[in-house]
Amino acid sequence: MFSKEVTVNNQVGLYARPATFFIQKANEFRSTIMVEKENRKVNAKSLLGVLSLGITKGTVINISAEGSDEEEAVNALCTLVASNFGE
């Protein structure tokens, strides 16, 4: 298992459009990927799950993955979040 913490800094947090980009990126990998906020963990490939966390600007999230491409998956998602989803 590989995991990293990252702070969401874009204006709207992880809602609607940014959440869609996040899930699309997560689905590019074979590993099981989870997103955690305040001890609540959801599947990073589930739009409803990610939206249910209510991730707003300034929130620190933990992204973890387990599988053959776990490190690549976590790094790619952290890079996406750090880039403010291209906004």
PDB file of N, CA and C in Angstrom:
ATOM      1  N   MET A   1       0.845  -1.187   0.000  1.00  0.00           N
ATOM      2  CA  MET A   1       0.000   0.000   0.000  1.00  0.00           C
ATOM      3  C   MET A   1       0.886   1.244   0.000  1.00  0.00           C
ATOM      4  N   PHE A   2       0.459   2.238  -0.780  1.00  0.00           N
ATOM      5  CA  PHE A   2       1.189   3.495  -0.893  1.00  0.00           C
ATOM      6  C   PHE A   2       0.192   4.627  -0.669  1.00  0.00           C
ATOM      7  N   SER A   3       0.577   5.645   0.114  1.00  0.00           N
ATOM      8  CA  SER A   3      -0.351   6.758   0.349  1.00  0.00           C
ATOM      9  C   SER A   3       0.394   8.074   0.516  1.00  0.00           C
ATOM     10  N   LYS A   4      -0.338   9.158   0.256  1.00  0.00           N
ATOM     11  CA  LYS A   4       0.204  10.512   0.387  1.00  0.00           C
ATOM     12  C   LYS A   4      -0.921  11.447   0.801  1.00  0.00           C
ATOM     13  N   GLU A   5      -0.534  12.520   1.493  1.00  0.00           N
ATOM     14  CA  GLU A   5      -1.497  13.567   1.834  1.00  0.00           C
ATOM     15  C   GLU A   5      -1.298  14.732   0.875  1.00  0.00           C
ATOM     16  N   VAL A   6      -2.416  15.385   0.530  1.00  0.00           N
ATOM     17  CA  VAL A   6      -2.364  16.546  -0.361  1.00  0.00           C
ATOM     18  C   VAL A   6      -3.475  17.506   0.059  1.00  0.00           C
ATOM     19  N   THR A   7      -3.234  18.800  -0.111  1.00  0.00           N
ATOM     20  CA  THR A   7      -4.228  19.815   0.227  1.00  0.00           C
ATOM     21  C   THR A   7      -4.940  20.272  -1.035  1.00  0.00           C
ATOM     22  N   VAL A   8      -6.261  20.290  -0.970  1.00  0.00           N
ATOM     23  CA  VAL A   8      -7.086  20.752  -2.092  1.00  0.00           C
ATOM     24  C   VAL A   8      -7.145  22.277  -2.020  1.00  0.00           C
ATOM     25  N   ASN A   9      -6.636  22.956  -3.050  1.00  0.00           N
ATOM     26  CA  ASN A   9      -6.548  24.416  -3.020  1.00  0.00           C
ATOM     27  C   ASN A   9      -7.356  25.140  -4.092  1.00  0.00           C
ATOM     28  N   ASN A  10      -8.046  24.392  -4.956  1.00  0.00           N
ATOM     29  CA  ASN A  10      -8.832  25.088  -5.981  1.00  0.00           C
ATOM     30  C   ASN A  10     -10.083  25.706  -5.349  1.00  0.00           C
ATOM     31  N   GLN A  11     -10.676  26.670  -6.026  1.00  0.00           N
ATOM     32  CA  GLN A  11     -11.788  27.466  -5.484  1.00  0.00           C
ATOM     33  C   GLN A  11     -12.962  26.647  -4.957  1.00  0.00           C
ATOM     34  N   VAL A  12     -13.438  25.663  -5.729  1.00  0.00           N
ATOM     35  CA  VAL A  12     -14.662  24.948  -5.344  1.00  0.00           C
ATOM     36  C   VAL A  12     -14.415  23.637  -4.598  1.00  0.00           C
ATOM     37  N   GLY A  13     -13.164  23.277  -4.404  1.00  0.00           N
ATOM     38  CA  GLY A  13     -12.890  22.002  -3.739  1.00  0.00           C
ATOM     39  C   GLY A  13     -13.065  20.846  -4.705  1.00  0.00           C
ATOM     40  N   LEU A  14     -13.434  19.696  -4.186  1.00  0.00           N
ATOM     41  CA  LEU A  14     -13.586  18.496  -5.019  1.00  0.00           C
ATOM     42  C   LEU A  14     -15.063  18.259  -5.315  1.00  0.00           C
ATOM     43  N   TYR A  15     -15.642  19.143  -6.115  1.00  0.00           N
ATOM     44  CA  TYR A  15     -17.051  19.068  -6.500  1.00  0.00           C
ATOM     45  C   TYR A  15     -17.167  19.057  -8.004  1.00  0.00           C
ATOM     46  N   ALA A  16     -18.277  18.562  -8.507  1.00  0.00           N
ATOM     47  CA  ALA A  16     -18.663  18.573  -9.918  1.00  0.00           C
ATOM     48  C   ALA A  16     -17.496  18.341 -10.882  1.00  0.00           C
ATOM     49  N   ARG A  17     -17.054  19.373 -11.588  1.00  0.00           N
ATOM     50  CA  ARG A  17     -16.050  19.225 -12.624  1.00  0.00           C
ATOM     51  C   ARG A  17     -14.716  18.688 -12.087  1.00  0.00           C
ATOM     52  N   PRO A  18     -14.146  19.275 -11.030  1.00  0.00           N
ATOM     53  CA  PRO A  18     -12.885  18.727 -10.511  1.00  0.00           C
ATOM     54  C   PRO A  18     -13.027  17.267 -10.049  1.00  0.00           C
ATOM     55  N   ALA A  19     -14.155  16.931  -9.454  1.00  0.00           N
ATOM     56  CA  ALA A  19     -14.377  15.550  -8.999  1.00  0.00           C
ATOM     57  C   ALA A  19     -14.420  14.597 -10.193  1.00  0.00           C
ATOM     58  N   THR A  20     -15.016  15.047 -11.286  1.00  0.00           N
ATOM     59  CA  THR A  20     -15.077  14.221 -12.495  1.00  0.00           C
ATOM     60  C   THR A  20     -13.672  13.971 -13.035  1.00  0.00           C
ATOM     61  N   PHE A  21     -12.837  15.014 -13.079  1.00  0.00           N
ATOM     62  CA  PHE A  21     -11.451  14.844 -13.525  1.00  0.00           C
ATOM     63  C   PHE A  21     -10.705  13.869 -12.616  1.00  0.00           C
ATOM     64  N   PHE A  22     -10.930  13.993 -11.310  1.00  0.00           N
ATOM     65  CA  PHE A  22     -10.282  13.138 -10.319  1.00  0.00           C
ATOM     66  C   PHE A  22     -10.659  11.668 -10.551  1.00  0.00           C
ATOM     67  N   ILE A  23     -11.936  11.408 -10.744  1.00  0.00           N
ATOM     68  CA  ILE A  23     -12.421  10.041 -10.930  1.00  0.00           C
ATOM     69  C   ILE A  23     -11.935   9.456 -12.264  1.00  0.00           C
ATOM     70  N   GLN A  24     -11.941  10.278 -13.305  1.00  0.00           N
ATOM     71  CA  GLN A  24     -11.436   9.815 -14.599  1.00  0.00           C
ATOM     72  C   GLN A  24      -9.971   9.406 -14.485  1.00  0.00           C
ATOM     73  N   LYS A  25      -9.180  10.206 -13.778  1.00  0.00           N
ATOM     74  CA  LYS A  25      -7.762   9.885 -13.584  1.00  0.00           C
ATOM     75  C   LYS A  25      -7.621   8.600 -12.758  1.00  0.00           C
ATOM     76  N   ALA A  26      -8.404   8.463 -11.697  1.00  0.00           N
ATOM     77  CA  ALA A  26      -8.345   7.263 -10.848  1.00  0.00           C
ATOM     78  C   ALA A  26      -8.675   6.002 -11.651  1.00  0.00           C
ATOM     79  N   ASN A  27      -9.613   6.123 -12.590  1.00  0.00           N
ATOM     80  CA  ASN A  27     -10.023   4.968 -13.395  1.00  0.00           C
ATOM     81  C   ASN A  27      -8.992   4.554 -14.436  1.00  0.00           C
ATOM     82  N   GLU A  28      -7.935   5.328 -14.599  1.00  0.00           N
ATOM     83  CA  GLU A  28      -6.866   4.959 -15.524  1.00  0.00           C
ATOM     84  C   GLU A  28      -5.946   3.887 -14.924  1.00  0.00           C
ATOM     85  N   PHE A  29      -6.123   3.609 -13.636  1.00  0.00           N
ATOM     86  CA  PHE A  29      -5.230   2.682 -12.942  1.00  0.00           C
ATOM     87  C   PHE A  29      -5.963   1.422 -12.499  1.00  0.00           C
ATOM     88  N   ARG A  30      -5.207   0.328 -12.383  1.00  0.00           N
ATOM     89  CA  ARG A  30      -5.773  -0.951 -11.965  1.00  0.00           C
ATOM     90  C   ARG A  30      -5.893  -1.071 -10.447  1.00  0.00           C
ATOM     91  N   SER A  31      -5.084  -0.346  -9.720  1.00  0.00           N
ATOM     92  CA  SER A  31      -5.070  -0.444  -8.254  1.00  0.00           C
ATOM     93  C   SER A  31      -6.396  -0.016  -7.639  1.00  0.00           C
ATOM     94  N   THR A  32      -6.629  -0.506  -6.437  1.00  0.00           N
ATOM     95  CA  THR A  32      -7.751  -0.030  -5.627  1.00  0.00           C
ATOM     96  C   THR A  32      -7.300   1.274  -4.992  1.00  0.00           C
ATOM     97  N   ILE A  33      -8.039   2.351  -5.251  1.00  0.00           N
ATOM     98  CA  ILE A  33      -7.631   3.675  -4.778  1.00  0.00           C
ATOM     99  C   ILE A  33      -8.704   4.221  -3.838  1.00  0.00           C
ATOM    100  N   MET A  34      -8.241   4.738  -2.703  1.00  0.00           N
ATOM    101  CA  MET A  34      -9.154   5.287  -1.703  1.00  0.00           C
ATOM    102  C   MET A  34      -8.785   6.741  -1.405  1.00  0.00           C
ATOM    103  N   VAL A  35      -9.809   7.534  -1.071  1.00  0.00           N
ATOM    104  CA  VAL A  35      -9.606   8.917  -0.636  1.00  0.00           C
ATOM    105  C   VAL A  35     -10.135   9.007   0.784  1.00  0.00           C
ATOM    106  N   GLU A  36      -9.354   9.632   1.673  1.00  0.00           N
ATOM    107  CA  GLU A  36      -9.751   9.724   3.079  1.00  0.00           C
ATOM    108  C   GLU A  36      -9.747  11.176   3.543  1.00  0.00           C
ATOM    109  N   LYS A  37     -10.816  11.532   4.238  1.00  0.00           N
ATOM    110  CA  LYS A  37     -10.924  12.847   4.869  1.00  0.00           C
ATOM    111  C   LYS A  37     -11.491  12.629   6.261  1.00  0.00           C
ATOM    112  N   GLU A  38     -10.762  13.073   7.269  1.00  0.00           N
ATOM    113  CA  GLU A  38     -11.211  12.973   8.662  1.00  0.00           C
ATOM    114  C   GLU A  38     -11.746  11.589   9.013  1.00  0.00           C
ATOM    115  N   ASN A  39     -10.940  10.563   8.765  1.00  0.00           N
ATOM    116  CA  ASN A  39     -11.263   9.169   9.096  1.00  0.00           C
ATOM    117  C   ASN A  39     -12.430   8.578   8.320  1.00  0.00           C
ATOM    118  N   ARG A  40     -12.899   9.255   7.265  1.00  0.00           N
ATOM    119  CA  ARG A  40     -13.909   8.683   6.361  1.00  0.00           C
ATOM    120  C   ARG A  40     -13.222   8.345   5.065  1.00  0.00           C
ATOM    121  N   LYS A  41     -13.320   7.098   4.650  1.00  0.00           N
ATOM    122  CA  LYS A  41     -12.599   6.617   3.475  1.00  0.00           C
ATOM    123  C   LYS A  41     -13.596   6.134   2.424  1.00  0.00           C
ATOM    124  N   VAL A  42     -13.398   6.589   1.172  1.00  0.00           N
ATOM    125  CA  VAL A  42     -14.273   6.173   0.073  1.00  0.00           C
ATOM    126  C   VAL A  42     -13.443   5.756  -1.136  1.00  0.00           C
ATOM    127  N   ASN A  43     -14.080   5.037  -2.035  1.00  0.00           N
ATOM    128  CA  ASN A  43     -13.454   4.607  -3.276  1.00  0.00           C
ATOM    129  C   ASN A  43     -13.230   5.828  -4.169  1.00  0.00           C
ATOM    130  N   ALA A  44     -12.012   6.056  -4.601  1.00  0.00           N
ATOM    131  CA  ALA A  44     -11.676   7.214  -5.442  1.00  0.00           C
ATOM    132  C   ALA A  44     -12.250   7.105  -6.844  1.00  0.00           C
ATOM    133  N   LYS A  45     -12.775   5.938  -7.200  1.00  0.00           N
ATOM    134  CA  LYS A  45     -13.349   5.744  -8.528  1.00  0.00           C
ATOM    135  C   LYS A  45     -14.861   5.931  -8.517  1.00  0.00           C
ATOM    136  N   SER A  46     -15.410   6.322  -7.375  1.00  0.00           N
ATOM    137  CA  SER A  46     -16.849   6.511  -7.220  1.00  0.00           C
ATOM    138  C   SER A  46     -17.194   7.992  -7.075  1.00  0.00           C
ATOM    139  N   LEU A  47     -17.934   8.542  -8.040  1.00  0.00           N
ATOM    140  CA  LEU A  47     -18.310   9.948  -7.990  1.00  0.00           C
ATOM    141  C   LEU A  47     -19.127  10.247  -6.740  1.00  0.00           C
ATOM    142  N   LEU A  48     -20.118   9.416  -6.451  1.00  0.00           N
ATOM    143  CA  LEU A  48     -20.947   9.630  -5.260  1.00  0.00           C
ATOM    144  C   LEU A  48     -20.114   9.573  -3.991  1.00  0.00           C
ATOM    145  N   GLY A  49     -19.194   8.624  -3.922  1.00  0.00           N
ATOM    146  CA  GLY A  49     -18.334   8.495  -2.749  1.00  0.00           C
ATOM    147  C   GLY A  49     -17.479   9.727  -2.535  1.00  0.00           C
ATOM    148  N   VAL A  50     -16.826  10.195  -3.601  1.00  0.00           N
ATOM    149  CA  VAL A  50     -15.947  11.365  -3.502  1.00  0.00           C
ATOM    150  C   VAL A  50     -16.760  12.606  -3.125  1.00  0.00           C
ATOM    151  N   LEU A  51     -17.906  12.794  -3.776  1.00  0.00           N
ATOM    152  CA  LEU A  51     -18.747  13.960  -3.466  1.00  0.00           C
ATOM    153  C   LEU A  51     -19.268  13.914  -2.030  1.00  0.00           C
ATOM    154  N   SER A  52     -19.515  12.711  -1.507  1.00  0.00           N
ATOM    155  CA  SER A  52     -20.062  12.571  -0.148  1.00  0.00           C
ATOM    156  C   SER A  52     -19.089  13.039   0.936  1.00  0.00           C
ATOM    157  N   LEU A  53     -17.800  13.133   0.598  1.00  0.00           N
ATOM    158  CA  LEU A  53     -16.815  13.592   1.583  1.00  0.00           C
ATOM    159  C   LEU A  53     -16.896  15.096   1.821  1.00  0.00           C
ATOM    160  N   GLY A  54     -17.496  15.826   0.899  1.00  0.00           N
ATOM    161  CA  GLY A  54     -17.630  17.276   1.070  1.00  0.00           C
ATOM    162  C   GLY A  54     -16.279  17.971   1.161  1.00  0.00           C
ATOM    163  N   ILE A  55     -15.403  17.699   0.231  1.00  0.00           N
ATOM    164  CA  ILE A  55     -14.048  18.247   0.252  1.00  0.00           C
ATOM    165  C   ILE A  55     -14.067  19.683  -0.282  1.00  0.00           C
ATOM    166  N   THR A  56     -13.713  20.622   0.573  1.00  0.00           N
ATOM    167  CA  THR A  56     -13.707  22.039   0.213  1.00  0.00           C
ATOM    168  C   THR A  56     -12.281  22.565   0.118  1.00  0.00           C
ATOM    169  N   LYS A  57     -12.146  23.798  -0.333  1.00  0.00           N
ATOM    170  CA  LYS A  57     -10.829  24.430  -0.455  1.00  0.00           C
ATOM    171  C   LYS A  57     -10.122  24.416   0.899  1.00  0.00           C
ATOM    172  N   GLY A  58      -8.854  24.028   0.895  1.00  0.00           N
ATOM    173  CA  GLY A  58      -8.055  23.993   2.113  1.00  0.00           C
ATOM    174  C   GLY A  58      -8.101  22.676   2.862  1.00  0.00           C
ATOM    175  N   THR A  59      -8.898  21.731   2.391  1.00  0.00           N
ATOM    176  CA  THR A  59      -9.018  20.425   3.035  1.00  0.00           C
ATOM    177  C   THR A  59      -7.804  19.551   2.706  1.00  0.00           C
ATOM    178  N   VAL A  60      -7.263  18.900   3.719  1.00  0.00           N
ATOM    179  CA  VAL A  60      -6.179  17.940   3.520  1.00  0.00           C
ATOM    180  C   VAL A  60      -6.812  16.561   3.369  1.00  0.00           C
ATOM    181  N   ILE A  61      -6.489  15.893   2.265  1.00  0.00           N
ATOM    182  CA  ILE A  61      -7.005  14.543   2.034  1.00  0.00           C
ATOM    183  C   ILE A  61      -5.832  13.578   1.933  1.00  0.00           C
ATOM    184  N   ASN A  62      -6.109  12.321   2.208  1.00  0.00           N
ATOM    185  CA  ASN A  62      -5.120  11.263   2.078  1.00  0.00           C
ATOM    186  C   ASN A  62      -5.555  10.377   0.913  1.00  0.00           C
ATOM    187  N   ILE A  63      -4.674  10.173  -0.033  1.00  0.00           N
ATOM    188  CA  ILE A  63      -4.956   9.304  -1.176  1.00  0.00           C
ATOM    189  C   ILE A  63      -4.085   8.068  -1.017  1.00  0.00           C
ATOM    190  N   SER A  64      -4.719   6.897  -1.022  1.00  0.00           N
ATOM    191  CA  SER A  64      -3.965   5.652  -0.877  1.00  0.00           C
ATOM    192  C   SER A  64      -4.370   4.675  -1.969  1.00  0.00           C
ATOM    193  N   ALA A  65      -3.452   3.809  -2.324  1.00  0.00           N
ATOM    194  CA  ALA A  65      -3.727   2.814  -3.357  1.00  0.00           C
ATOM    195  C   ALA A  65      -3.026   1.512  -3.018  1.00  0.00           C
ATOM    196  N   GLU A  66      -3.625   0.439  -3.504  1.00  0.00           N
ATOM    197  CA  GLU A  66      -3.041  -0.883  -3.319  1.00  0.00           C
ATOM    198  C   GLU A  66      -3.201  -1.650  -4.618  1.00  0.00           C
ATOM    199  N   GLY A  67      -2.078  -2.098  -5.161  1.00  0.00           N
ATOM    200  CA  GLY A  67      -2.122  -2.839  -6.411  1.00  0.00           C
ATOM    201  C   GLY A  67      -0.840  -2.671  -7.203  1.00  0.00           C
ATOM    202  N   SER A  68      -0.863  -3.169  -8.425  1.00  0.00           N
ATOM    203  CA  SER A  68       0.346  -3.202  -9.254  1.00  0.00           C
ATOM    204  C   SER A  68       0.873  -1.823  -9.640  1.00  0.00           C
ATOM    205  N   ASP A  69      -0.014  -0.831  -9.737  1.00  0.00           N
ATOM    206  CA  ASP A  69       0.423   0.512 -10.132  1.00  0.00           C
ATOM    207  C   ASP A  69       0.106   1.547  -9.044  1.00  0.00           C
ATOM    208  N   GLU A  70       0.150   1.112  -7.774  1.00  0.00           N
ATOM    209  CA  GLU A  70      -0.272   1.952  -6.645  1.00  0.00           C
ATOM    210  C   GLU A  70       0.504   3.265  -6.530  1.00  0.00           C
ATOM    211  N   GLU A  71       1.821   3.194  -6.651  1.00  0.00           N
ATOM    212  CA  GLU A  71       2.630   4.403  -6.487  1.00  0.00           C
ATOM    213  C   GLU A  71       2.353   5.400  -7.611  1.00  0.00           C
ATOM    214  N   GLU A  72       2.277   4.910  -8.819  1.00  0.00           N
ATOM    215  CA  GLU A  72       1.984   5.748  -9.989  1.00  0.00           C
ATOM    216  C   GLU A  72       0.603   6.400  -9.855  1.00  0.00           C
ATOM    217  N   ALA A  73      -0.375   5.632  -9.375  1.00  0.00           N
ATOM    218  CA  ALA A  73      -1.746   6.137  -9.219  1.00  0.00           C
ATOM    219  C   ALA A  73      -1.803   7.267  -8.194  1.00  0.00           C
ATOM    220  N   VAL A  74      -1.219   7.053  -7.035  1.00  0.00           N
ATOM    221  CA  VAL A  74      -1.247   8.070  -5.974  1.00  0.00           C
ATOM    222  C   VAL A  74      -0.519   9.330  -6.428  1.00  0.00           C
ATOM    223  N   ASN A  75       0.641   9.169  -7.042  1.00  0.00           N
ATOM    224  CA  ASN A  75       1.404  10.330  -7.511  1.00  0.00           C
ATOM    225  C   ASN A  75       0.644  11.114  -8.572  1.00  0.00           C
ATOM    226  N   ALA A  76      -0.016  10.427  -9.490  1.00  0.00           N
ATOM    227  CA  ALA A  76      -0.780  11.095 -10.552  1.00  0.00           C
ATOM    228  C   ALA A  76      -1.950  11.878  -9.967  1.00  0.00           C
ATOM    229  N   LEU A  77      -2.652  11.293  -9.000  1.00  0.00           N
ATOM    230  CA  LEU A  77      -3.798  11.979  -8.386  1.00  0.00           C
ATOM    231  C   LEU A  77      -3.342  13.162  -7.533  1.00  0.00           C
ATOM    232  N   CYS A  78      -2.238  13.014  -6.836  1.00  0.00           N
ATOM    233  CA  CYS A  78      -1.703  14.128  -6.039  1.00  0.00           C
ATOM    234  C   CYS A  78      -1.272  15.274  -6.944  1.00  0.00           C
ATOM    235  N   THR A  79      -0.673  14.942  -8.076  1.00  0.00           N
ATOM    236  CA  THR A  79      -0.266  15.960  -9.046  1.00  0.00           C
ATOM    237  C   THR A  79      -1.486  16.688  -9.592  1.00  0.00           C
ATOM    238  N   LEU A  80      -2.549  15.950  -9.887  1.00  0.00           N
ATOM    239  CA  LEU A  80      -3.791  16.549 -10.386  1.00  0.00           C
ATOM    240  C   LEU A  80      -4.370  17.524  -9.364  1.00  0.00           C
ATOM    241  N   VAL A  81      -4.431  17.110  -8.108  1.00  0.00           N
ATOM    242  CA  VAL A  81      -4.960  17.967  -7.045  1.00  0.00           C
ATOM    243  C   VAL A  81      -4.066  19.198  -6.861  1.00  0.00           C
ATOM    244  N   ALA A  82      -2.753  18.988  -6.845  1.00  0.00           N
ATOM    245  CA  ALA A  82      -1.803  20.096  -6.649  1.00  0.00           C
ATOM    246  C   ALA A  82      -1.852  21.116  -7.784  1.00  0.00           C
ATOM    247  N   SER A  83      -2.248  20.659  -8.981  1.00  0.00           N
ATOM    248  CA  SER A  83      -2.330  21.562 -10.142  1.00  0.00           C
ATOM    249  C   SER A  83      -3.668  22.283 -10.193  1.00  0.00           C
ATOM    250  N   ASN A  84      -4.482  22.133  -9.131  1.00  0.00           N
ATOM    251  CA  ASN A  84      -5.817  22.730  -9.067  1.00  0.00           C
ATOM    252  C   ASN A  84      -6.703  22.276 -10.231  1.00  0.00           C
ATOM    253  N   PHE A  85      -6.512  21.039 -10.666  1.00  0.00           N
ATOM    254  CA  PHE A  85      -7.328  20.431 -11.711  1.00  0.00           C
ATOM    255  C   PHE A  85      -7.279  21.222 -13.002  1.00  0.00           C
ATOM    256  N   GLY A  86      -6.143  21.874 -13.256  1.00  0.00           N
ATOM    257  CA  GLY A  86      -5.952  22.616 -14.486  1.00  0.00           C
ATOM    258  C   GLY A  86      -6.711  23.941 -14.559  1.00  0.00           C
ATOM    259  N   GLU A  87      -7.230  24.390 -13.428  1.00  0.00           N
ATOM    260  CA  GLU A  87      -7.996  25.647 -13.428  1.00  0.00           C
ATOM    261  C   GLU A  87      -7.085  26.848 -13.390  1.00  0.00           C
TER     262      GLU A  87
END
